[in-house]
Amino acid sequence: MVSIRANKQVADEVRAIADQHKFVYSEGPLDRFARDVTRLADDDVALDDTEKLLIALQRRGVLNKAQMISLAARHLRQSKP
């Protein structure tokens, strides 16, 4: 599994993990479906590139669920104005 550093910018850390595993995010059919359902439900949910990459890395098994949630929570805290 991946080692997580507590005080590094999450966006940089997630990109480094993806690079280390030679992984690039690309939207799949389920991602398009979820986006369309969200739009049709008139919800306003827009994931940034880091959030999309976190989900994709967890789906691929690079990050376990606890690591993904921890990184996502840190990312949200760092993204707050």
PDB file of N, CA and C in Angstrom:
ATOM      1  N   MET A   1       0.827  -1.186   0.000  1.00  0.00           N
ATOM      2  CA  MET A   1       0.000   0.000   0.000  1.00  0.00           C
ATOM      3  C   MET A   1       0.875   1.254   0.000  1.00  0.00           C
ATOM      4  N   VAL A   2       0.220   2.377   0.058  1.00  0.00           N
ATOM      5  CA  VAL A   2       0.857   3.673  -0.107  1.00  0.00           C
ATOM      6  C   VAL A   2       1.091   4.311   1.249  1.00  0.00           C
ATOM      7  N   SER A   3       2.219   4.999   1.376  1.00  0.00           N
ATOM      8  CA  SER A   3       2.525   5.756   2.578  1.00  0.00           C
ATOM      9  C   SER A   3       1.969   7.173   2.420  1.00  0.00           C
ATOM     10  N   ILE A   4       1.239   7.656   3.425  1.00  0.00           N
ATOM     11  CA  ILE A   4       0.613   8.973   3.363  1.00  0.00           C
ATOM     12  C   ILE A   4       1.346   9.927   4.300  1.00  0.00           C
ATOM     13  N   ARG A   5       1.698  11.111   3.780  1.00  0.00           N
ATOM     14  CA  ARG A   5       2.392  12.127   4.575  1.00  0.00           C
ATOM     15  C   ARG A   5       1.377  13.160   5.059  1.00  0.00           C
ATOM     16  N   ALA A   6       1.453  13.509   6.335  1.00  0.00           N
ATOM     17  CA  ALA A   6       0.421  14.338   6.956  1.00  0.00           C
ATOM     18  C   ALA A   6       0.445  15.808   6.537  1.00  0.00           C
ATOM     19  N   ASN A   7       1.591  16.402   6.257  1.00  0.00           N
ATOM     20  CA  ASN A   7       1.595  17.846   6.048  1.00  0.00           C
ATOM     21  C   ASN A   7       1.948  18.271   4.623  1.00  0.00           C
ATOM     22  N   LYS A   8       1.844  17.404   3.676  1.00  0.00           N
ATOM     23  CA  LYS A   8       2.071  17.743   2.276  1.00  0.00           C
ATOM     24  C   LYS A   8       0.732  18.109   1.645  1.00  0.00           C
ATOM     25  N   GLN A   9       0.748  18.969   0.647  1.00  0.00           N
ATOM     26  CA  GLN A   9      -0.485  19.299  -0.064  1.00  0.00           C
ATOM     27  C   GLN A   9      -1.052  18.026  -0.678  1.00  0.00           C
ATOM     28  N   VAL A  10      -2.299  17.749  -0.423  1.00  0.00           N
ATOM     29  CA  VAL A  10      -2.920  16.505  -0.874  1.00  0.00           C
ATOM     30  C   VAL A  10      -2.891  16.401  -2.398  1.00  0.00           C
ATOM     31  N   ALA A  11      -3.172  17.476  -3.099  1.00  0.00           N
ATOM     32  CA  ALA A  11      -3.189  17.430  -4.567  1.00  0.00           C
ATOM     33  C   ALA A  11      -1.831  16.960  -5.096  1.00  0.00           C
ATOM     34  N   ASP A  12      -0.745  17.485  -4.534  1.00  0.00           N
ATOM     35  CA  ASP A  12       0.602  17.078  -4.951  1.00  0.00           C
ATOM     36  C   ASP A  12       0.863  15.617  -4.606  1.00  0.00           C
ATOM     37  N   GLU A  13       0.428  15.218  -3.425  1.00  0.00           N
ATOM     38  CA  GLU A  13       0.636  13.848  -2.972  1.00  0.00           C
ATOM     39  C   GLU A  13      -0.131  12.846  -3.842  1.00  0.00           C
ATOM     40  N   VAL A  14      -1.357  13.176  -4.187  1.00  0.00           N
ATOM     41  CA  VAL A  14      -2.178  12.282  -5.009  1.00  0.00           C
ATOM     42  C   VAL A  14      -1.575  12.156  -6.411  1.00  0.00           C
ATOM     43  N   ARG A  15      -1.116  13.283  -6.972  1.00  0.00           N
ATOM     44  CA  ARG A  15      -0.466  13.222  -8.290  1.00  0.00           C
ATOM     45  C   ARG A  15       0.796  12.373  -8.236  1.00  0.00           C
ATOM     46  N   ALA A  16       1.555  12.490  -7.145  1.00  0.00           N
ATOM     47  CA  ALA A  16       2.782  11.694  -7.000  1.00  0.00           C
ATOM     48  C   ALA A  16       2.455  10.205  -6.906  1.00  0.00           C
ATOM     49  N   ILE A  17       1.409   9.850  -6.177  1.00  0.00           N
ATOM     50  CA  ILE A  17       0.998   8.446  -6.065  1.00  0.00           C
ATOM     51  C   ILE A  17       0.582   7.923  -7.443  1.00  0.00           C
ATOM     52  N   ALA A  18      -0.199   8.719  -8.167  1.00  0.00           N
ATOM     53  CA  ALA A  18      -0.634   8.313  -9.508  1.00  0.00           C
ATOM     54  C   ALA A  18       0.571   8.142 -10.432  1.00  0.00           C
ATOM     55  N   ASP A  19       1.515   9.075 -10.376  1.00  0.00           N
ATOM     56  CA  ASP A  19       2.725   8.979 -11.205  1.00  0.00           C
ATOM     57  C   ASP A  19       3.532   7.736 -10.856  1.00  0.00           C
ATOM     58  N   GLN A  20       3.662   7.478  -9.567  1.00  0.00           N
ATOM     59  CA  GLN A  20       4.428   6.312  -9.101  1.00  0.00           C
ATOM     60  C   GLN A  20       3.834   5.018  -9.653  1.00  0.00           C
ATOM     61  N   HIS A  21       2.521   4.978  -9.778  1.00  0.00           N
ATOM     62  CA  HIS A  21       1.838   3.780 -10.268  1.00  0.00           C
ATOM     63  C   HIS A  21       1.504   3.879 -11.755  1.00  0.00           C
ATOM     64  N   LYS A  22       2.059   4.923 -12.409  1.00  0.00           N
ATOM     65  CA  LYS A  22       1.843   5.136 -13.844  1.00  0.00           C
ATOM     66  C   LYS A  22       0.358   5.107 -14.191  1.00  0.00           C
ATOM     67  N   PHE A  23      -0.398   5.870 -13.418  1.00  0.00           N
ATOM     68  CA  PHE A  23      -1.844   5.902 -13.556  1.00  0.00           C
ATOM     69  C   PHE A  23      -2.301   7.293 -13.972  1.00  0.00           C
ATOM     70  N   VAL A  24      -3.171   7.354 -14.948  1.00  0.00           N
ATOM     71  CA  VAL A  24      -3.776   8.600 -15.400  1.00  0.00           C
ATOM     72  C   VAL A  24      -5.287   8.413 -15.357  1.00  0.00           C
ATOM     73  N   TYR A  25      -5.984   9.366 -14.780  1.00  0.00           N
ATOM     74  CA  TYR A  25      -7.440   9.284 -14.691  1.00  0.00           C
ATOM     75  C   TYR A  25      -8.057   9.489 -16.066  1.00  0.00           C
ATOM     76  N   SER A  26      -9.007   8.654 -16.378  1.00  0.00           N
ATOM     77  CA  SER A  26      -9.847   8.889 -17.552  1.00  0.00           C
ATOM     78  C   SER A  26     -11.268   8.523 -17.167  1.00  0.00           C
ATOM     79  N   GLU A  27     -12.185   9.327 -17.598  1.00  0.00           N
ATOM     80  CA  GLU A  27     -13.584   9.117 -17.233  1.00  0.00           C
ATOM     81  C   GLU A  27     -14.114   7.845 -17.885  1.00  0.00           C
ATOM     82  N   GLY A  28     -14.713   6.992 -17.078  1.00  0.00           N
ATOM     83  CA  GLY A  28     -15.283   5.744 -17.575  1.00  0.00           C
ATOM     84  C   GLY A  28     -16.787   5.833 -17.694  1.00  0.00           C
ATOM     85  N   PRO A  29     -17.407   4.765 -18.163  1.00  0.00           N
ATOM     86  CA  PRO A  29     -18.865   4.773 -18.351  1.00  0.00           C
ATOM     87  C   PRO A  29     -19.639   5.016 -17.058  1.00  0.00           C
ATOM     88  N   LEU A  30     -19.176   4.462 -15.944  1.00  0.00           N
ATOM     89  CA  LEU A  30     -19.874   4.690 -14.672  1.00  0.00           C
ATOM     90  C   LEU A  30     -19.740   6.136 -14.215  1.00  0.00           C
ATOM     91  N   ASP A  31     -18.580   6.742 -14.507  1.00  0.00           N
ATOM     92  CA  ASP A  31     -18.380   8.149 -14.152  1.00  0.00           C
ATOM     93  C   ASP A  31     -19.328   9.038 -14.958  1.00  0.00           C
ATOM     94  N   ARG A  32     -19.458   8.749 -16.237  1.00  0.00           N
ATOM     95  CA  ARG A  32     -20.374   9.520 -17.088  1.00  0.00           C
ATOM     96  C   ARG A  32     -21.819   9.329 -16.620  1.00  0.00           C
ATOM     97  N   PHE A  33     -22.173   8.097 -16.288  1.00  0.00           N
ATOM     98  CA  PHE A  33     -23.523   7.813 -15.796  1.00  0.00           C
ATOM     99  C   PHE A  33     -23.809   8.606 -14.517  1.00  0.00           C
ATOM    100  N   ALA A  34     -22.868   8.566 -13.568  1.00  0.00           N
ATOM    101  CA  ALA A  34     -23.051   9.283 -12.299  1.00  0.00           C
ATOM    102  C   ALA A  34     -23.174  10.782 -12.540  1.00  0.00           C
ATOM    103  N   ARG A  35     -22.362  11.322 -13.433  1.00  0.00           N
ATOM    104  CA  ARG A  35     -22.436  12.745 -13.753  1.00  0.00           C
ATOM    105  C   ARG A  35     -23.808  13.094 -14.343  1.00  0.00           C
ATOM    106  N   ASP A  36     -24.287  12.251 -15.260  1.00  0.00           N
ATOM    107  CA  ASP A  36     -25.578  12.516 -15.899  1.00  0.00           C
ATOM    108  C   ASP A  36     -26.738  12.396 -14.912  1.00  0.00           C
ATOM    109  N   VAL A  37     -26.701  11.396 -14.046  1.00  0.00           N
ATOM    110  CA  VAL A  37     -27.757  11.238 -13.037  1.00  0.00           C
ATOM    111  C   VAL A  37     -27.758  12.438 -12.104  1.00  0.00           C
ATOM    112  N   THR A  38     -26.578  12.881 -11.703  1.00  0.00           N
ATOM    113  CA  THR A  38     -26.466  14.047 -10.827  1.00  0.00           C
ATOM    114  C   THR A  38     -27.051  15.280 -11.506  1.00  0.00           C
ATOM    115  N   ARG A  39     -26.714  15.463 -12.768  1.00  0.00           N
ATOM    116  CA  ARG A  39     -27.239  16.614 -13.532  1.00  0.00           C
ATOM    117  C   ARG A  39     -28.757  16.538 -13.653  1.00  0.00           C
ATOM    118  N   LEU A  40     -29.274  15.342 -13.981  1.00  0.00           N
ATOM    119  CA  LEU A  40     -30.721  15.181 -14.141  1.00  0.00           C
ATOM    120  C   LEU A  40     -31.476  15.375 -12.830  1.00  0.00           C
ATOM    121  N   ALA A  41     -30.815  15.072 -11.719  1.00  0.00           N
ATOM    122  CA  ALA A  41     -31.432  15.274 -10.406  1.00  0.00           C
ATOM    123  C   ALA A  41     -31.332  16.727  -9.961  1.00  0.00           C
ATOM    124  N   ASP A  42     -30.723  17.542 -10.820  1.00  0.00           N
ATOM    125  CA  ASP A  42     -30.554  18.971 -10.550  1.00  0.00           C
ATOM    126  C   ASP A  42     -29.682  19.220  -9.323  1.00  0.00           C
ATOM    127  N   ASP A  43     -28.755  18.293  -9.071  1.00  0.00           N
ATOM    128  CA  ASP A  43     -27.794  18.472  -7.986  1.00  0.00           C
ATOM    129  C   ASP A  43     -26.575  19.211  -8.523  1.00  0.00           C
ATOM    130  N   ASP A  44     -25.870  19.857  -7.635  1.00  0.00           N
ATOM    131  CA  ASP A  44     -24.677  20.595  -8.021  1.00  0.00           C
ATOM    132  C   ASP A  44     -23.460  19.935  -7.376  1.00  0.00           C
ATOM    133  N   VAL A  45     -22.987  18.857  -7.985  1.00  0.00           N
ATOM    134  CA  VAL A  45     -21.817  18.144  -7.485  1.00  0.00           C
ATOM    135  C   VAL A  45     -20.764  18.158  -8.581  1.00  0.00           C
ATOM    136  N   ALA A  46     -19.641  18.782  -8.291  1.00  0.00           N
ATOM    137  CA  ALA A  46     -18.556  18.831  -9.266  1.00  0.00           C
ATOM    138  C   ALA A  46     -17.260  18.459  -8.552  1.00  0.00           C
ATOM    139  N   LEU A  47     -16.736  17.299  -8.895  1.00  0.00           N
ATOM    140  CA  LEU A  47     -15.482  16.860  -8.296  1.00  0.00           C
ATOM    141  C   LEU A  47     -14.317  17.523  -9.020  1.00  0.00           C
ATOM    142  N   ASP A  48     -13.294  17.919  -8.254  1.00  0.00           N
ATOM    143  CA  ASP A  48     -12.110  18.463  -8.898  1.00  0.00           C
ATOM    144  C   ASP A  48     -11.201  17.310  -9.329  1.00  0.00           C
ATOM    145  N   ASP A  49     -10.114  17.624 -10.007  1.00  0.00           N
ATOM    146  CA  ASP A  49      -9.225  16.593 -10.538  1.00  0.00           C
ATOM    147  C   ASP A  49      -8.650  15.705  -9.444  1.00  0.00           C
ATOM    148  N   THR A  50      -8.322  16.280  -8.290  1.00  0.00           N
ATOM    149  CA  THR A  50      -7.760  15.500  -7.186  1.00  0.00           C
ATOM    150  C   THR A  50      -8.785  14.503  -6.654  1.00  0.00           C
ATOM    151  N   GLU A  51     -10.019  14.938  -6.487  1.00  0.00           N
ATOM    152  CA  GLU A  51     -11.073  14.051  -5.997  1.00  0.00           C
ATOM    153  C   GLU A  51     -11.337  12.914  -6.981  1.00  0.00           C
ATOM    154  N   LYS A  52     -11.371  13.236  -8.268  1.00  0.00           N
ATOM    155  CA  LYS A  52     -11.559  12.198  -9.283  1.00  0.00           C
ATOM    156  C   LYS A  52     -10.426  11.183  -9.254  1.00  0.00           C
ATOM    157  N   LEU A  53      -9.207  11.674  -9.116  1.00  0.00           N
ATOM    158  CA  LEU A  53      -8.046  10.792  -9.080  1.00  0.00           C
ATOM    159  C   LEU A  53      -8.050   9.925  -7.825  1.00  0.00           C
ATOM    160  N   LEU A  54      -8.452  10.485  -6.692  1.00  0.00           N
ATOM    161  CA  LEU A  54      -8.552   9.704  -5.457  1.00  0.00           C
ATOM    162  C   LEU A  54      -9.527   8.543  -5.615  1.00  0.00           C
ATOM    163  N   ILE A  55     -10.685   8.817  -6.178  1.00  0.00           N
ATOM    164  CA  ILE A  55     -11.687   7.765  -6.373  1.00  0.00           C
ATOM    165  C   ILE A  55     -11.142   6.690  -7.309  1.00  0.00           C
ATOM    166  N   ALA A  56     -10.517   7.115  -8.389  1.00  0.00           N
ATOM    167  CA  ALA A  56      -9.973   6.162  -9.356  1.00  0.00           C
ATOM    168  C   ALA A  56      -8.855   5.313  -8.751  1.00  0.00           C
ATOM    169  N   LEU A  57      -7.999   5.922  -7.940  1.00  0.00           N
ATOM    170  CA  LEU A  57      -6.914   5.166  -7.297  1.00  0.00           C
ATOM    171  C   LEU A  57      -7.461   4.152  -6.296  1.00  0.00           C
ATOM    172  N   GLN A  58      -8.533   4.510  -5.622  1.00  0.00           N
ATOM    173  CA  GLN A  58      -9.146   3.568  -4.681  1.00  0.00           C
ATOM    174  C   GLN A  58      -9.821   2.430  -5.441  1.00  0.00           C
ATOM    175  N   ARG A  59     -10.503   2.749  -6.519  1.00  0.00           N
ATOM    176  CA  ARG A  59     -11.137   1.700  -7.328  1.00  0.00           C
ATOM    177  C   ARG A  59     -10.112   0.713  -7.869  1.00  0.00           C
ATOM    178  N   ARG A  60      -8.958   1.229  -8.252  1.00  0.00           N
ATOM    179  CA  ARG A  60      -7.915   0.379  -8.820  1.00  0.00           C
ATOM    180  C   ARG A  60      -7.195  -0.436  -7.751  1.00  0.00           C
ATOM    181  N   GLY A  61      -7.349  -0.078  -6.475  1.00  0.00           N
ATOM    182  CA  GLY A  61      -6.717  -0.822  -5.401  1.00  0.00           C
ATOM    183  C   GLY A  61      -5.376  -0.258  -4.963  1.00  0.00           C
ATOM    184  N   VAL A  62      -5.010   0.904  -5.504  1.00  0.00           N
ATOM    185  CA  VAL A  62      -3.762   1.552  -5.101  1.00  0.00           C
ATOM    186  C   VAL A  62      -3.907   2.102  -3.689  1.00  0.00           C
ATOM    187  N   LEU A  63      -5.071   2.672  -3.398  1.00  0.00           N
ATOM    188  CA  LEU A  63      -5.386   3.168  -2.057  1.00  0.00           C
ATOM    189  C   LEU A  63      -6.495   2.303  -1.479  1.00  0.00           C
ATOM    190  N   ASN A  64      -6.394   2.025  -0.182  1.00  0.00           N
ATOM    191  CA  ASN A  64      -7.529   1.348   0.437  1.00  0.00           C
ATOM    192  C   ASN A  64      -8.562   2.414   0.813  1.00  0.00           C
ATOM    193  N   LYS A  65      -9.736   1.991   1.240  1.00  0.00           N
ATOM    194  CA  LYS A  65     -10.829   2.929   1.510  1.00  0.00           C
ATOM    195  C   LYS A  65     -10.454   3.936   2.595  1.00  0.00           C
ATOM    196  N   ALA A  66      -9.793   3.483   3.656  1.00  0.00           N
ATOM    197  CA  ALA A  66      -9.410   4.385   4.744  1.00  0.00           C
ATOM    198  C   ALA A  66      -8.423   5.444   4.261  1.00  0.00           C
ATOM    199  N   GLN A  67      -7.464   5.038   3.427  1.00  0.00           N
ATOM    200  CA  GLN A  67      -6.501   6.007   2.893  1.00  0.00           C
ATOM    201  C   GLN A  67      -7.198   7.031   2.007  1.00  0.00           C
ATOM    202  N   MET A  68      -8.103   6.561   1.157  1.00  0.00           N
ATOM    203  CA  MET A  68      -8.813   7.467   0.258  1.00  0.00           C
ATOM    204  C   MET A  68      -9.641   8.474   1.053  1.00  0.00           C
ATOM    205  N   ILE A  69     -10.343   8.005   2.076  1.00  0.00           N
ATOM    206  CA  ILE A  69     -11.167   8.894   2.884  1.00  0.00           C
ATOM    207  C   ILE A  69     -10.300   9.903   3.629  1.00  0.00           C
ATOM    208  N   SER A  70      -9.181   9.448   4.174  1.00  0.00           N
ATOM    209  CA  SER A  70      -8.270  10.341   4.884  1.00  0.00           C
ATOM    210  C   SER A  70      -7.735  11.432   3.958  1.00  0.00           C
ATOM    211  N   LEU A  71      -7.294  11.036   2.771  1.00  0.00           N
ATOM    212  CA  LEU A  71      -6.776  12.018   1.811  1.00  0.00           C
ATOM    213  C   LEU A  71      -7.882  12.964   1.338  1.00  0.00           C
ATOM    214  N   ALA A  72      -9.076  12.435   1.096  1.00  0.00           N
ATOM    215  CA  ALA A  72     -10.185  13.277   0.648  1.00  0.00           C
ATOM    216  C   ALA A  72     -10.561  14.305   1.722  1.00  0.00           C
ATOM    217  N   ALA A  73     -10.588  13.887   2.983  1.00  0.00           N
ATOM    218  CA  ALA A  73     -10.909  14.807   4.080  1.00  0.00           C
ATOM    219  C   ALA A  73      -9.846  15.898   4.192  1.00  0.00           C
ATOM    220  N   ARG A  74      -8.576  15.514   4.117  1.00  0.00           N
ATOM    221  CA  ARG A  74      -7.499  16.509   4.158  1.00  0.00           C
ATOM    222  C   ARG A  74      -7.592  17.461   2.975  1.00  0.00           C
ATOM    223  N   HIS A  75      -7.907  16.912   1.804  1.00  0.00           N
ATOM    224  CA  HIS A  75      -8.033  17.747   0.612  1.00  0.00           C
ATOM    225  C   HIS A  75      -9.153  18.775   0.787  1.00  0.00           C
ATOM    226  N   LEU A  76     -10.281  18.347   1.327  1.00  0.00           N
ATOM    227  CA  LEU A  76     -11.391  19.277   1.552  1.00  0.00           C
ATOM    228  C   LEU A  76     -11.009  20.366   2.548  1.00  0.00           C
ATOM    229  N   ARG A  77     -10.295  19.990   3.609  1.00  0.00           N
ATOM    230  CA  ARG A  77      -9.853  20.989   4.589  1.00  0.00           C
ATOM    231  C   ARG A  77      -8.882  21.974   3.943  1.00  0.00           C
ATOM    232  N   GLN A  78      -7.955  21.482   3.124  1.00  0.00           N
ATOM    233  CA  GLN A  78      -6.978  22.346   2.467  1.00  0.00           C
ATOM    234  C   GLN A  78      -7.630  23.233   1.411  1.00  0.00           C
ATOM    235  N   SER A  79      -8.738  22.786   0.847  1.00  0.00           N
ATOM    236  CA  SER A  79      -9.410  23.527  -0.227  1.00  0.00           C
ATOM    237  C   SER A  79     -10.336  24.626   0.282  1.00  0.00           C
ATOM    238  N   LYS A  80     -10.655  24.587   1.579  1.00  0.00           N
ATOM    239  CA  LYS A  80     -11.544  25.601   2.146  1.00  0.00           C
ATOM    240  C   LYS A  80     -10.872  26.970   2.076  1.00  0.00           C
ATOM    241  N   PRO A  81     -11.658  28.003   1.743  1.00  0.00           N
ATOM    242  CA  PRO A  81     -11.075  29.361   1.705  1.00  0.00           C
ATOM    243  C   PRO A  81     -10.785  29.896   3.088  1.00  0.00           C
TER     244      PRO A  81
END
